[in-house]
Amino acid sequence: MTRISRRWRSASLRSQLMVLTGLLLATSILVTSLVAISVLRDALVDNTDQELRQSVSSVSTALLDGLEGTIATPVPHSGYLLDAQGNVIAAAENSQDSSATRPAPDLSGMNLSTVVANNLQPTTVSAIGAPERKWRVLPAKLQHYDMAVVVAQPLDRTNSIISAVSLLTFSFGLATLLAAMAVGWVLVTRAFAPLREVESTAAQIAEGDLSQRMEGYNSQTEIGQLSMSLNTMLGHIEDAFEARTRSETKLRRFVADASHELRTPLVSIRGYSELYRHGALQNPEDVGKAMDRIESEAKRMTQLVEDLLTLARLDERRAATMQHMDLLHLAYDAASDAHATAPDRVVQVVGLSDSTPEQAWTYGDESKLRQVVANLLTNALRYTPGGTPLELAVGLEPTVDSQFDAVLQVRDHGPGIHGDDADRVFERFYRADSSRTRETGGTGLGLSIVAAIVEQHDGTVKLEETPGGGATFTVRVPHSQPVDNAPVID
């Protein structure tokens, strides 16, 4: 049984389905055949019983006439006259049924008392000396006599009919079962063809080909729905693998760039330290310059680490302190800070169309949005020629769904950013001019931090060209209604 169970579980779905179908068909055919044969047999026996009842009178008369010496008349069925003890005292054979080779019915169990108890109740008995051959007998009590008559009919013809019908029924059933199994095998094979294609597609996917798809099936069918679900799943898997590949590539580049950026100040610090340790710095002036360079590189490395930590926190999507704020207020504060750090620069706060600036309320983390404005303004001050003016433009712009975005722009009038540099300016550690960036102390992460913070606020940041030359960074975040009692900035 264990072996059968193991082989059954290891069989294919098509084989299991055909075996179960065959068993159901065989059971149905067998039950139908048995019921039909049983009904036919009962009908034939009932018909024989009716004929026996109808012939009781004529057979009784013929048997009584035989006792009185009268010539027996032909009888429709064989008859036997029994005395009170059950002995046969007279017999009449039906000429059509008479045969020298056919044994008589075994009436040994009958006597007058049993006949009275089962009067006119037909029963089946065996033949004398041939138990396999059967007779249908009907006993009846004779009136005015202590005798009984038994009318008998052999069941040879009935059994022959039943045997022929049984053979025909089971033969036809077997042929029907074989034909049904053959047709079913073909149909199941055709029905399972899409599943084999699914199996083949899955095998190709397992080998790494995620571009495979199931096509050409009606979406209303089970196979079509399975194909659609499989295609959707494959699309998600392919997107996930592509995203993972991009993420891994980006992570490898990030680690390589971070290692490079950290190695540069460390090499400088180590070099000056070794010069000092070997006594190469002989006078206080050389020692002072070396200490200044060590301090400068240490500060740049510290800034780099802080920027990396900031990006890591932004990537983790840590909860922020959200509140309503006005971007115009942030712009004025940033302009004031710029005047303090670069008094030779002209930094103005204007409207989006060089008109009067307007309030632009949003809901976000004030400290992080201040960092966005500070990074953009510091970037503009650092990489544009001295004396060129800067503008901070603030206002509202309508969106496609009849809403508004709060917009802040940082415009410069320097050389601008073009080509591949413009496409990659928000990538981490990307620099359009690496040598100049190191001279000015940048880490290459400022704009990446800007992009991450803006994305965290469900906004966008975009680089555009300033009319007349230069770069314009445009930050858009969702607009919110101003809070009550908010100060108005003139």
Protein backbone atom coordinates (compact mmCIF):
# COMPACT_ATOMS: atom_id res chain seq x y z
CA MET A 1 0.00 0.00 0.00
CA THR A 2 2.87 2.34 0.79
CA ARG A 3 4.43 1.65 -2.62
CA ILE A 4 1.11 2.30 -4.37
CA SER A 5 0.65 5.53 -2.45
CA ARG A 6 4.21 6.64 -3.30
CA ARG A 7 3.77 5.82 -6.99
CA TRP A 8 0.42 7.61 -7.04
CA ARG A 9 1.93 10.78 -5.59
CA SER A 10 4.81 10.65 -8.07
CA ALA A 11 2.49 10.19 -11.09
CA SER A 12 1.77 13.15 -13.35
CA LEU A 13 -1.43 15.14 -12.97
CA ARG A 14 -2.60 13.93 -16.38
CA SER A 15 -2.13 10.28 -15.38
CA GLN A 16 -3.91 10.79 -12.06
CA LEU A 17 -6.79 12.52 -13.82
CA MET A 18 -7.14 9.72 -16.37
CA VAL A 19 -7.02 7.01 -13.68
CA LEU A 20 -9.70 8.73 -11.63
CA THR A 21 -11.83 9.29 -14.74
CA GLY A 22 -11.42 5.64 -15.75
CA LEU A 23 -12.45 4.43 -12.29
CA LEU A 24 -15.52 6.66 -12.30
CA LEU A 25 -16.52 5.52 -15.80
CA ALA A 26 -15.94 1.85 -14.96
CA THR A 27 -17.99 2.15 -11.77
CA SER A 28 -20.79 3.94 -13.62
CA ILE A 29 -20.88 1.33 -16.41
CA LEU A 30 -20.76 -1.57 -13.94
CA VAL A 31 -23.54 -0.20 -11.77
CA THR A 32 -25.69 0.65 -14.80
CA SER A 33 -25.17 -2.81 -16.29
CA LEU A 34 -25.99 -4.60 -13.04
CA VAL A 35 -29.13 -2.55 -12.53
CA ALA A 36 -30.26 -3.14 -16.12
CA ILE A 37 -29.62 -6.92 -15.89
CA SER A 38 -31.40 -7.12 -12.55
CA VAL A 39 -34.43 -5.26 -13.91
CA LEU A 40 -34.52 -7.48 -17.01
CA ARG A 41 -34.24 -10.65 -14.93
CA ASP A 42 -37.04 -9.54 -12.62
CA ALA A 43 -39.21 -8.71 -15.62
CA LEU A 44 -38.63 -12.09 -17.24
CA VAL A 45 -39.27 -13.98 -13.98
CA ASP A 46 -42.43 -11.95 -13.33
CA ASN A 47 -43.65 -12.79 -16.81
CA THR A 48 -42.97 -16.50 -16.15
CA ASP A 49 -44.86 -16.28 -12.84
CA GLN A 50 -47.86 -14.75 -14.58
CA GLU A 51 -47.89 -17.58 -17.13
CA LEU A 52 -47.63 -20.20 -14.36
CA ARG A 53 -50.59 -18.70 -12.49
CA GLN A 54 -52.66 -18.66 -15.66
CA SER A 55 -51.90 -22.33 -16.38
CA VAL A 56 -52.69 -23.74 -12.90
CA SER A 57 -56.28 -24.58 -13.80
CA SER A 58 -55.54 -26.33 -17.09
CA VAL A 59 -52.59 -28.27 -15.69
CA SER A 60 -54.65 -29.36 -12.64
CA THR A 61 -57.44 -30.62 -14.88
CA ALA A 62 -55.02 -32.55 -17.06
CA LEU A 63 -53.37 -34.18 -14.03
CA LEU A 64 -56.70 -35.22 -12.49
CA ASP A 65 -57.86 -36.61 -15.82
CA GLY A 66 -54.69 -38.64 -15.97
CA LEU A 67 -55.52 -40.22 -12.61
CA GLU A 68 -58.94 -41.33 -13.93
CA GLY A 69 -57.35 -42.90 -16.99
CA THR A 70 -58.37 -40.24 -19.45
CA ILE A 71 -55.90 -39.36 -22.17
CA ALA A 72 -53.95 -36.33 -21.05
CA THR A 73 -54.48 -33.19 -23.03
CA PRO A 74 -51.54 -30.92 -23.98
CA VAL A 75 -50.54 -28.55 -21.14
CA PRO A 76 -48.80 -25.13 -21.47
CA HIS A 77 -46.35 -25.94 -18.66
CA SER A 78 -45.11 -29.01 -16.90
CA GLY A 79 -47.19 -30.08 -13.93
CA TYR A 80 -46.79 -32.44 -10.99
CA LEU A 81 -49.51 -33.86 -8.72
CA LEU A 82 -48.39 -34.39 -5.12
CA ASP A 83 -50.06 -36.33 -2.35
CA ALA A 84 -50.16 -35.16 1.24
CA GLN A 85 -46.62 -36.45 1.87
CA GLY A 86 -45.18 -34.69 -1.19
CA ASN A 87 -44.82 -37.77 -3.37
CA VAL A 88 -45.31 -37.24 -7.11
CA ILE A 89 -48.30 -39.35 -8.14
CA ALA A 90 -48.79 -37.92 -11.62
CA ALA A 91 -46.88 -35.73 -14.06
CA ALA A 92 -47.68 -33.87 -17.26
CA GLU A 93 -44.92 -32.56 -19.51
CA ASN A 94 -45.24 -29.69 -21.92
CA SER A 95 -44.36 -31.16 -25.30
CA GLN A 96 -42.49 -28.00 -26.34
CA ASP A 97 -40.37 -28.06 -23.20
CA SER A 98 -39.89 -31.79 -22.94
CA SER A 99 -36.37 -33.04 -23.37
CA ALA A 100 -34.75 -36.26 -22.45
CA THR A 101 -31.64 -34.47 -21.30
CA ARG A 102 -33.38 -31.98 -19.03
CA PRO A 103 -33.73 -33.14 -15.39
CA ALA A 104 -37.00 -32.59 -13.53
CA PRO A 105 -37.36 -29.98 -10.78
CA ASP A 106 -36.43 -31.02 -7.26
CA LEU A 107 -39.74 -31.02 -5.30
CA SER A 108 -38.43 -32.92 -2.30
CA GLY A 109 -39.02 -30.02 0.03
CA MET A 110 -42.72 -29.77 -0.77
CA ASN A 111 -45.69 -31.49 0.86
CA LEU A 112 -49.31 -30.58 1.42
CA SER A 113 -48.61 -28.44 4.49
CA THR A 114 -45.87 -26.39 2.83
CA VAL A 115 -48.04 -25.90 -0.24
CA VAL A 116 -50.92 -24.65 1.90
CA ALA A 117 -48.52 -22.24 3.64
CA ASN A 118 -47.16 -20.95 0.31
CA ASN A 119 -50.26 -21.34 -1.89
CA LEU A 120 -49.79 -19.74 -5.32
CA GLN A 121 -46.41 -18.25 -4.26
CA PRO A 122 -43.81 -18.94 -6.99
CA THR A 123 -40.30 -19.95 -6.04
CA THR A 124 -37.09 -21.11 -7.70
CA VAL A 125 -35.72 -24.61 -7.18
CA SER A 126 -32.81 -26.58 -8.57
CA ALA A 127 -33.08 -29.48 -10.97
CA ILE A 128 -32.63 -33.05 -9.73
CA GLY A 129 -28.97 -33.95 -10.14
CA ALA A 130 -28.09 -30.57 -11.68
CA PRO A 131 -28.02 -27.82 -9.03
CA GLU A 132 -26.78 -25.26 -11.59
CA ARG A 133 -30.01 -25.54 -13.60
CA LYS A 134 -33.08 -23.83 -12.21
CA TRP A 135 -36.87 -24.23 -12.40
CA ARG A 136 -39.56 -21.73 -11.55
CA VAL A 137 -42.36 -23.60 -9.69
CA LEU A 138 -45.76 -22.47 -8.42
CA PRO A 139 -47.56 -24.76 -5.89
CA ALA A 140 -51.37 -24.76 -5.50
CA LYS A 141 -53.80 -26.68 -3.19
CA LEU A 142 -56.51 -28.58 -5.05
CA GLN A 143 -60.01 -28.01 -3.77
CA HIS A 144 -61.91 -31.07 -2.52
CA TYR A 145 -58.68 -33.13 -2.60
CA ASP A 146 -55.84 -33.66 -0.14
CA MET A 147 -53.43 -33.15 -2.96
CA ALA A 148 -51.43 -30.31 -4.45
CA VAL A 149 -50.40 -29.42 -7.94
CA VAL A 150 -47.08 -27.82 -8.86
CA VAL A 151 -46.79 -25.97 -12.16
CA ALA A 152 -43.14 -25.66 -13.32
CA GLN A 153 -41.25 -23.80 -16.00
CA PRO A 154 -37.48 -24.26 -16.64
CA LEU A 155 -35.42 -21.04 -16.46
CA ASP A 156 -32.95 -22.16 -19.09
CA ARG A 157 -34.26 -19.69 -21.68
CA THR A 158 -34.42 -16.89 -19.12
CA ASN A 159 -30.87 -17.59 -17.95
CA SER A 160 -29.69 -17.75 -21.56
CA ILE A 161 -31.24 -14.36 -22.26
CA ILE A 162 -29.71 -12.90 -19.09
CA SER A 163 -26.29 -14.33 -19.97
CA ALA A 164 -26.44 -12.96 -23.52
CA VAL A 165 -27.57 -9.54 -22.33
CA SER A 166 -24.87 -9.54 -19.61
CA LEU A 167 -22.17 -10.45 -22.10
CA LEU A 168 -23.38 -7.80 -24.53
CA THR A 169 -23.72 -5.15 -21.83
CA PHE A 170 -20.31 -5.73 -20.28
CA SER A 171 -18.63 -6.00 -23.70
CA PHE A 172 -20.21 -2.77 -24.86
CA GLY A 173 -19.36 -1.14 -21.54
CA LEU A 174 -15.73 -2.21 -21.82
CA ALA A 175 -15.54 -0.94 -25.39
CA THR A 176 -17.16 2.33 -24.30
CA LEU A 177 -14.69 2.64 -21.41
CA LEU A 178 -11.68 2.08 -23.68
CA ALA A 179 -13.00 4.54 -26.27
CA ALA A 180 -13.77 7.11 -23.59
CA MET A 181 -10.29 6.72 -22.08
CA ALA A 182 -8.66 7.12 -25.49
CA VAL A 183 -10.70 10.21 -26.33
CA GLY A 184 -10.17 11.55 -22.80
CA TRP A 185 -6.41 11.06 -23.08
CA VAL A 186 -6.34 13.07 -26.29
CA LEU A 187 -8.53 15.83 -24.84
CA VAL A 188 -6.61 16.00 -21.58
CA THR A 189 -3.33 16.09 -23.48
CA ARG A 190 -4.60 19.01 -25.55
CA ALA A 191 -6.02 20.73 -22.47
CA PHE A 192 -2.71 20.33 -20.63
CA ALA A 193 -0.69 21.70 -23.55
CA PRO A 194 -0.83 25.29 -22.15
CA LEU A 195 0.33 23.97 -18.78
CA ARG A 196 3.32 22.36 -20.47
CA GLU A 197 4.05 25.72 -22.04
CA VAL A 198 3.79 27.28 -18.59
CA GLU A 199 6.23 24.65 -17.35
CA SER A 200 8.59 25.38 -20.23
CA THR A 201 8.31 29.12 -19.59
CA ALA A 202 8.99 28.61 -15.89
CA ALA A 203 12.06 26.54 -16.75
CA GLN A 204 13.40 29.33 -18.97
CA ILE A 205 12.69 31.83 -16.20
CA ALA A 206 14.56 29.61 -13.74
CA GLU A 207 17.51 29.75 -16.12
CA GLY A 208 17.45 33.55 -15.89
CA ASP A 209 15.35 34.65 -18.89
CA LEU A 210 12.82 36.96 -17.21
CA SER A 211 11.52 38.31 -20.54
CA GLN A 212 9.38 35.21 -21.18
CA ARG A 213 5.59 35.74 -21.32
CA MET A 214 2.44 33.66 -21.89
CA GLU A 215 0.47 34.93 -24.88
CA GLY A 216 -2.41 33.90 -27.15
CA TYR A 217 -4.95 32.66 -24.59
CA ASN A 218 -8.50 33.88 -23.99
CA SER A 219 -8.63 35.85 -20.77
CA GLN A 220 -12.09 34.42 -20.01
CA THR A 221 -10.73 30.88 -19.61
CA GLU A 222 -8.86 29.46 -16.63
CA ILE A 223 -5.69 29.07 -18.70
CA GLY A 224 -6.03 32.67 -19.91
CA GLN A 225 -6.45 33.94 -16.35
CA LEU A 226 -3.47 31.85 -15.25
CA SER A 227 -1.44 33.30 -18.13
CA MET A 228 -2.41 36.86 -17.18
CA SER A 229 -1.54 36.25 -13.53
CA LEU A 230 1.76 34.64 -14.54
CA ASN A 231 2.61 37.52 -16.87
CA THR A 232 1.82 40.04 -14.13
CA MET A 233 3.97 38.11 -11.66
CA LEU A 234 6.80 37.90 -14.18
CA GLY A 235 6.56 41.64 -14.77
CA HIS A 236 6.85 42.31 -11.05
CA ILE A 237 9.75 39.88 -10.73
CA GLU A 238 11.55 41.42 -13.69
CA ASP A 239 11.01 44.92 -12.29
CA ALA A 240 12.23 43.76 -8.89
CA PHE A 241 15.37 42.22 -10.38
CA GLU A 242 16.04 45.34 -12.43
CA ALA A 243 15.50 47.51 -9.35
CA ARG A 244 17.81 45.28 -7.34
CA THR A 245 20.43 45.43 -10.08
CA ARG A 246 20.17 49.21 -10.22
CA SER A 247 20.32 49.39 -6.45
CA GLU A 248 23.37 47.13 -6.30
CA THR A 249 25.10 49.11 -9.04
CA LYS A 250 24.26 52.35 -7.28
CA LEU A 251 25.42 50.95 -3.94
CA ARG A 252 28.71 49.73 -5.39
CA ARG A 253 29.32 53.12 -6.99
CA PHE A 254 28.36 54.85 -3.76
CA VAL A 255 30.75 52.72 -1.70
CA ALA A 256 33.54 53.23 -4.22
CA ASP A 257 32.99 56.99 -4.30
CA ALA A 258 32.73 57.21 -0.52
CA SER A 259 35.93 55.21 -0.13
CA HIS A 260 37.67 57.47 -2.63
CA GLU A 261 36.42 60.64 -0.97
CA LEU A 262 37.44 59.47 2.49
CA ARG A 263 40.82 58.22 1.27
CA THR A 264 41.79 61.62 -0.19
CA PRO A 265 41.75 63.58 3.11
CA LEU A 266 43.18 60.62 4.99
CA VAL A 267 46.13 60.45 2.60
CA SER A 268 46.78 64.17 3.12
CA ILE A 269 46.53 63.88 6.89
CA ARG A 270 48.82 60.86 6.91
CA GLY A 271 51.32 62.54 4.61
CA TYR A 272 51.65 65.66 6.73
CA SER A 273 51.81 63.54 9.89
CA GLU A 274 54.68 61.47 8.48
CA LEU A 275 56.50 64.61 7.39
CA TYR A 276 56.24 65.94 10.93
CA ARG A 277 57.28 62.61 12.49
CA HIS A 278 60.35 62.33 10.25
CA GLY A 279 61.42 65.86 11.05
CA ALA A 280 60.87 67.23 7.54
CA LEU A 281 59.07 70.28 8.97
CA GLN A 282 61.97 72.28 10.36
CA ASN A 283 60.50 75.70 11.16
CA PRO A 284 57.28 76.84 12.85
CA GLU A 285 55.93 78.25 9.61
CA ASP A 286 56.05 74.83 7.89
CA VAL A 287 54.52 73.18 10.95
CA GLY A 288 51.71 75.75 10.94
CA LYS A 289 50.95 75.16 7.27
CA ALA A 290 50.92 71.41 7.84
CA MET A 291 48.57 71.75 10.81
CA ASP A 292 46.28 74.01 8.75
CA ARG A 293 46.12 71.41 5.99
CA ILE A 294 45.47 68.61 8.48
CA GLU A 295 42.69 70.65 10.09
CA SER A 296 41.19 71.54 6.69
CA GLU A 297 41.18 67.90 5.53
CA ALA A 298 39.75 66.76 8.88
CA LYS A 299 36.93 69.29 8.56
CA ARG A 300 36.20 68.15 5.01
CA MET A 301 36.18 64.51 6.13
CA THR A 302 33.87 65.41 9.02
CA GLN A 303 31.51 67.19 6.63
CA LEU A 304 31.57 64.19 4.32
CA VAL A 305 30.68 61.81 7.16
CA GLU A 306 27.88 64.11 8.30
CA ASP A 307 26.47 64.24 4.78
CA LEU A 308 26.64 60.46 4.51
CA LEU A 309 24.78 60.12 7.82
CA THR A 310 22.17 62.59 6.60
CA LEU A 311 21.60 60.56 3.43
CA ALA A 312 21.42 57.32 5.45
CA ARG A 313 18.74 58.81 7.70
CA LEU A 314 16.80 60.04 4.68
CA ASP A 315 17.03 56.61 3.06
CA GLU A 316 15.62 55.04 6.23
CA ARG A 317 12.56 57.32 6.00
CA ARG A 318 12.73 58.24 9.65
CA ALA A 319 9.75 60.10 11.08
CA ALA A 320 10.09 63.86 10.61
CA THR A 321 8.73 66.76 12.65
CA MET A 322 6.03 68.07 10.32
CA GLN A 323 4.42 71.48 10.56
CA HIS A 324 2.96 74.22 8.38
CA MET A 325 5.55 76.70 7.11
CA ASP A 326 6.00 79.40 4.50
CA LEU A 327 8.73 78.95 1.88
CA LEU A 328 8.90 82.73 1.53
CA HIS A 329 10.04 82.99 5.15
CA LEU A 330 12.74 80.38 4.48
CA ALA A 331 13.87 82.31 1.38
CA TYR A 332 14.28 85.60 3.28
CA ASP A 333 16.27 83.83 6.03
CA ALA A 334 18.54 82.18 3.46
CA ALA A 335 19.10 85.52 1.69
CA SER A 336 20.09 87.13 4.99
CA ASP A 337 22.54 84.30 5.68
CA ALA A 338 24.04 84.73 2.20
CA HIS A 339 24.55 88.46 2.77
CA ALA A 340 26.45 87.62 5.95
CA THR A 341 28.73 85.00 4.35
CA ALA A 342 29.18 86.69 0.96
CA PRO A 343 28.66 90.45 1.34
CA ASP A 344 29.96 91.04 -2.20
CA ARG A 345 27.02 89.15 -3.72
CA VAL A 346 23.57 90.53 -4.55
CA VAL A 347 20.95 88.02 -3.33
CA GLN A 348 17.33 89.03 -3.95
CA VAL A 349 13.98 87.42 -3.11
CA VAL A 350 11.58 87.80 -6.04
CA GLY A 351 8.39 86.27 -7.43
CA LEU A 352 8.31 83.45 -9.92
CA SER A 353 7.82 85.90 -12.79
CA ASP A 354 10.21 88.50 -11.36
CA SER A 355 7.18 90.08 -9.70
CA THR A 356 6.48 90.59 -6.04
CA PRO A 357 7.12 87.35 -4.11
CA GLU A 358 4.08 85.71 -2.58
CA GLN A 359 3.61 83.40 0.34
CA ALA A 360 3.91 79.67 -0.46
CA TRP A 361 2.71 77.53 2.42
CA THR A 362 3.51 73.84 2.68
CA TYR A 363 3.47 71.08 5.28
CA GLY A 364 6.86 69.58 6.09
CA ASP A 365 9.97 69.40 8.23
CA GLU A 366 11.21 72.97 8.59
CA SER A 367 14.81 72.08 9.46
CA LYS A 368 15.16 69.81 6.42
CA LEU A 369 13.55 72.30 4.03
CA ARG A 370 15.89 74.96 5.38
CA GLN A 371 18.75 72.59 4.56
CA VAL A 372 17.40 72.30 1.00
CA VAL A 373 17.44 76.08 0.51
CA ALA A 374 20.84 76.40 2.20
CA ASN A 375 22.41 73.65 0.06
CA LEU A 376 21.08 75.13 -3.18
CA LEU A 377 22.18 78.65 -2.27
CA THR A 378 25.61 77.46 -1.07
CA ASN A 379 26.01 75.52 -4.32
CA ALA A 380 25.18 78.65 -6.33
CA LEU A 381 27.59 80.82 -4.31
CA ARG A 382 30.37 78.24 -4.57
CA TYR A 383 30.28 77.49 -8.29
CA THR A 384 29.48 80.85 -9.86
CA PRO A 385 31.92 83.71 -10.49
CA GLY A 386 32.24 86.30 -7.74
CA GLY A 387 29.99 89.33 -8.12
CA THR A 388 27.25 87.58 -10.13
CA PRO A 389 23.77 88.13 -8.68
CA LEU A 390 21.50 85.41 -7.28
CA GLU A 391 17.72 85.26 -6.97
CA LEU A 392 15.43 83.30 -4.70
CA ALA A 393 12.02 83.12 -6.42
CA VAL A 394 8.98 82.02 -4.36
CA GLY A 395 5.32 81.59 -5.32
CA LEU A 396 2.52 79.22 -6.26
CA GLU A 397 1.97 77.33 -9.50
CA PRO A 398 -1.22 75.47 -10.55
CA THR A 399 -1.14 71.72 -11.14
CA VAL A 400 -3.03 69.57 -13.64
CA ASP A 401 -5.65 68.58 -11.01
CA SER A 402 -6.60 72.20 -10.26
CA GLN A 403 -4.43 72.29 -7.13
CA PHE A 404 -1.32 74.32 -6.39
CA ASP A 405 2.34 73.60 -5.68
CA ALA A 406 4.51 75.71 -3.44
CA VAL A 407 7.55 76.59 -5.55
CA LEU A 408 11.00 77.87 -4.62
CA GLN A 409 13.68 78.59 -7.21
CA VAL A 410 17.39 79.34 -6.75
CA ARG A 411 18.69 81.13 -9.86
CA ASP A 412 22.29 81.94 -10.68
CA HIS A 413 23.87 83.64 -13.69
CA GLY A 414 27.05 81.62 -13.92
CA PRO A 415 28.25 79.23 -16.63
CA GLY A 416 25.33 76.84 -16.05
CA ILE A 417 25.24 73.05 -16.15
CA HIS A 418 24.78 71.32 -19.50
CA GLY A 419 24.69 67.93 -21.22
CA ASP A 420 25.46 64.84 -19.21
CA ASP A 421 26.28 66.94 -16.17
CA ALA A 422 22.70 68.22 -16.06
CA ASP A 423 21.31 64.68 -16.17
CA ARG A 424 23.54 63.41 -13.37
CA VAL A 425 23.81 66.45 -11.13
CA PHE A 426 21.63 64.88 -8.37
CA GLU A 427 23.67 61.64 -8.23
CA ARG A 428 25.71 61.05 -5.11
CA PHE A 429 29.36 62.07 -5.37
CA TYR A 430 28.90 63.25 -8.95
CA ARG A 431 30.87 66.38 -9.83
CA ALA A 432 31.00 68.33 -13.04
CA ASP A 433 34.45 69.59 -12.07
CA SER A 434 36.03 67.41 -9.39
CA SER A 435 39.20 69.46 -8.98
CA ARG A 436 37.34 72.71 -8.46
CA THR A 437 34.95 70.99 -6.08
CA ARG A 438 37.75 69.81 -3.82
CA GLU A 439 39.30 73.23 -3.84
CA THR A 440 36.03 74.76 -2.66
CA GLY A 441 35.51 72.07 -0.04
CA GLY A 442 32.44 70.33 -1.47
CA THR A 443 31.62 66.69 -0.81
CA GLY A 444 29.51 66.03 -3.91
CA LEU A 445 26.50 65.14 -1.73
CA GLY A 446 24.75 68.48 -1.33
CA LEU A 447 22.39 68.12 -4.31
CA SER A 448 21.80 64.44 -3.49
CA ILE A 449 20.64 65.51 -0.04
CA VAL A 450 18.37 68.11 -1.64
CA ALA A 451 16.78 65.50 -3.93
CA ALA A 452 16.27 63.05 -1.04
CA ILE A 453 14.63 65.65 1.23
CA VAL A 454 12.33 66.92 -1.50
CA GLU A 455 11.30 63.36 -2.39
CA GLN A 456 10.55 62.74 1.30
CA HIS A 457 8.12 65.69 1.11
CA ASP A 458 6.37 64.23 -1.98
CA GLY A 459 7.88 66.94 -4.13
CA THR A 460 10.28 67.30 -7.05
CA VAL A 461 13.48 69.19 -7.74
CA LYS A 462 14.52 70.01 -11.28
CA LEU A 463 17.49 71.70 -12.96
CA GLU A 464 16.63 74.24 -15.65
CA GLU A 465 18.58 76.82 -17.60
CA THR A 466 18.34 80.41 -16.42
CA PRO A 467 17.28 82.81 -19.19
CA GLY A 468 20.42 84.63 -20.30
CA GLY A 469 22.70 81.89 -18.90
CA GLY A 470 23.10 80.12 -15.62
CA ALA A 471 21.38 77.36 -13.67
CA THR A 472 17.98 77.39 -11.97
CA PHE A 473 17.04 74.76 -9.39
CA THR A 474 13.25 74.53 -8.99
CA VAL A 475 11.76 72.85 -5.90
CA ARG A 476 8.05 71.96 -5.94
CA VAL A 477 6.22 70.64 -2.88
CA PRO A 478 2.47 70.31 -2.20
CA HIS A 479 0.77 73.53 -1.17
CA SER A 480 -1.14 73.75 2.12
CA GLN A 481 -3.51 76.35 3.51
CA PRO A 482 -1.85 79.02 5.68
CA VAL A 483 -2.22 78.60 9.43
CA ASP A 484 -4.29 81.05 11.44
CA ASN A 485 -2.55 84.18 12.72
CA ALA A 486 0.41 83.59 10.41
CA PRO A 487 2.66 86.63 10.00
CA VAL A 488 2.56 88.38 6.65
CA ILE A 489 6.01 88.96 5.14
CA ASP A 490 6.45 92.18 3.20
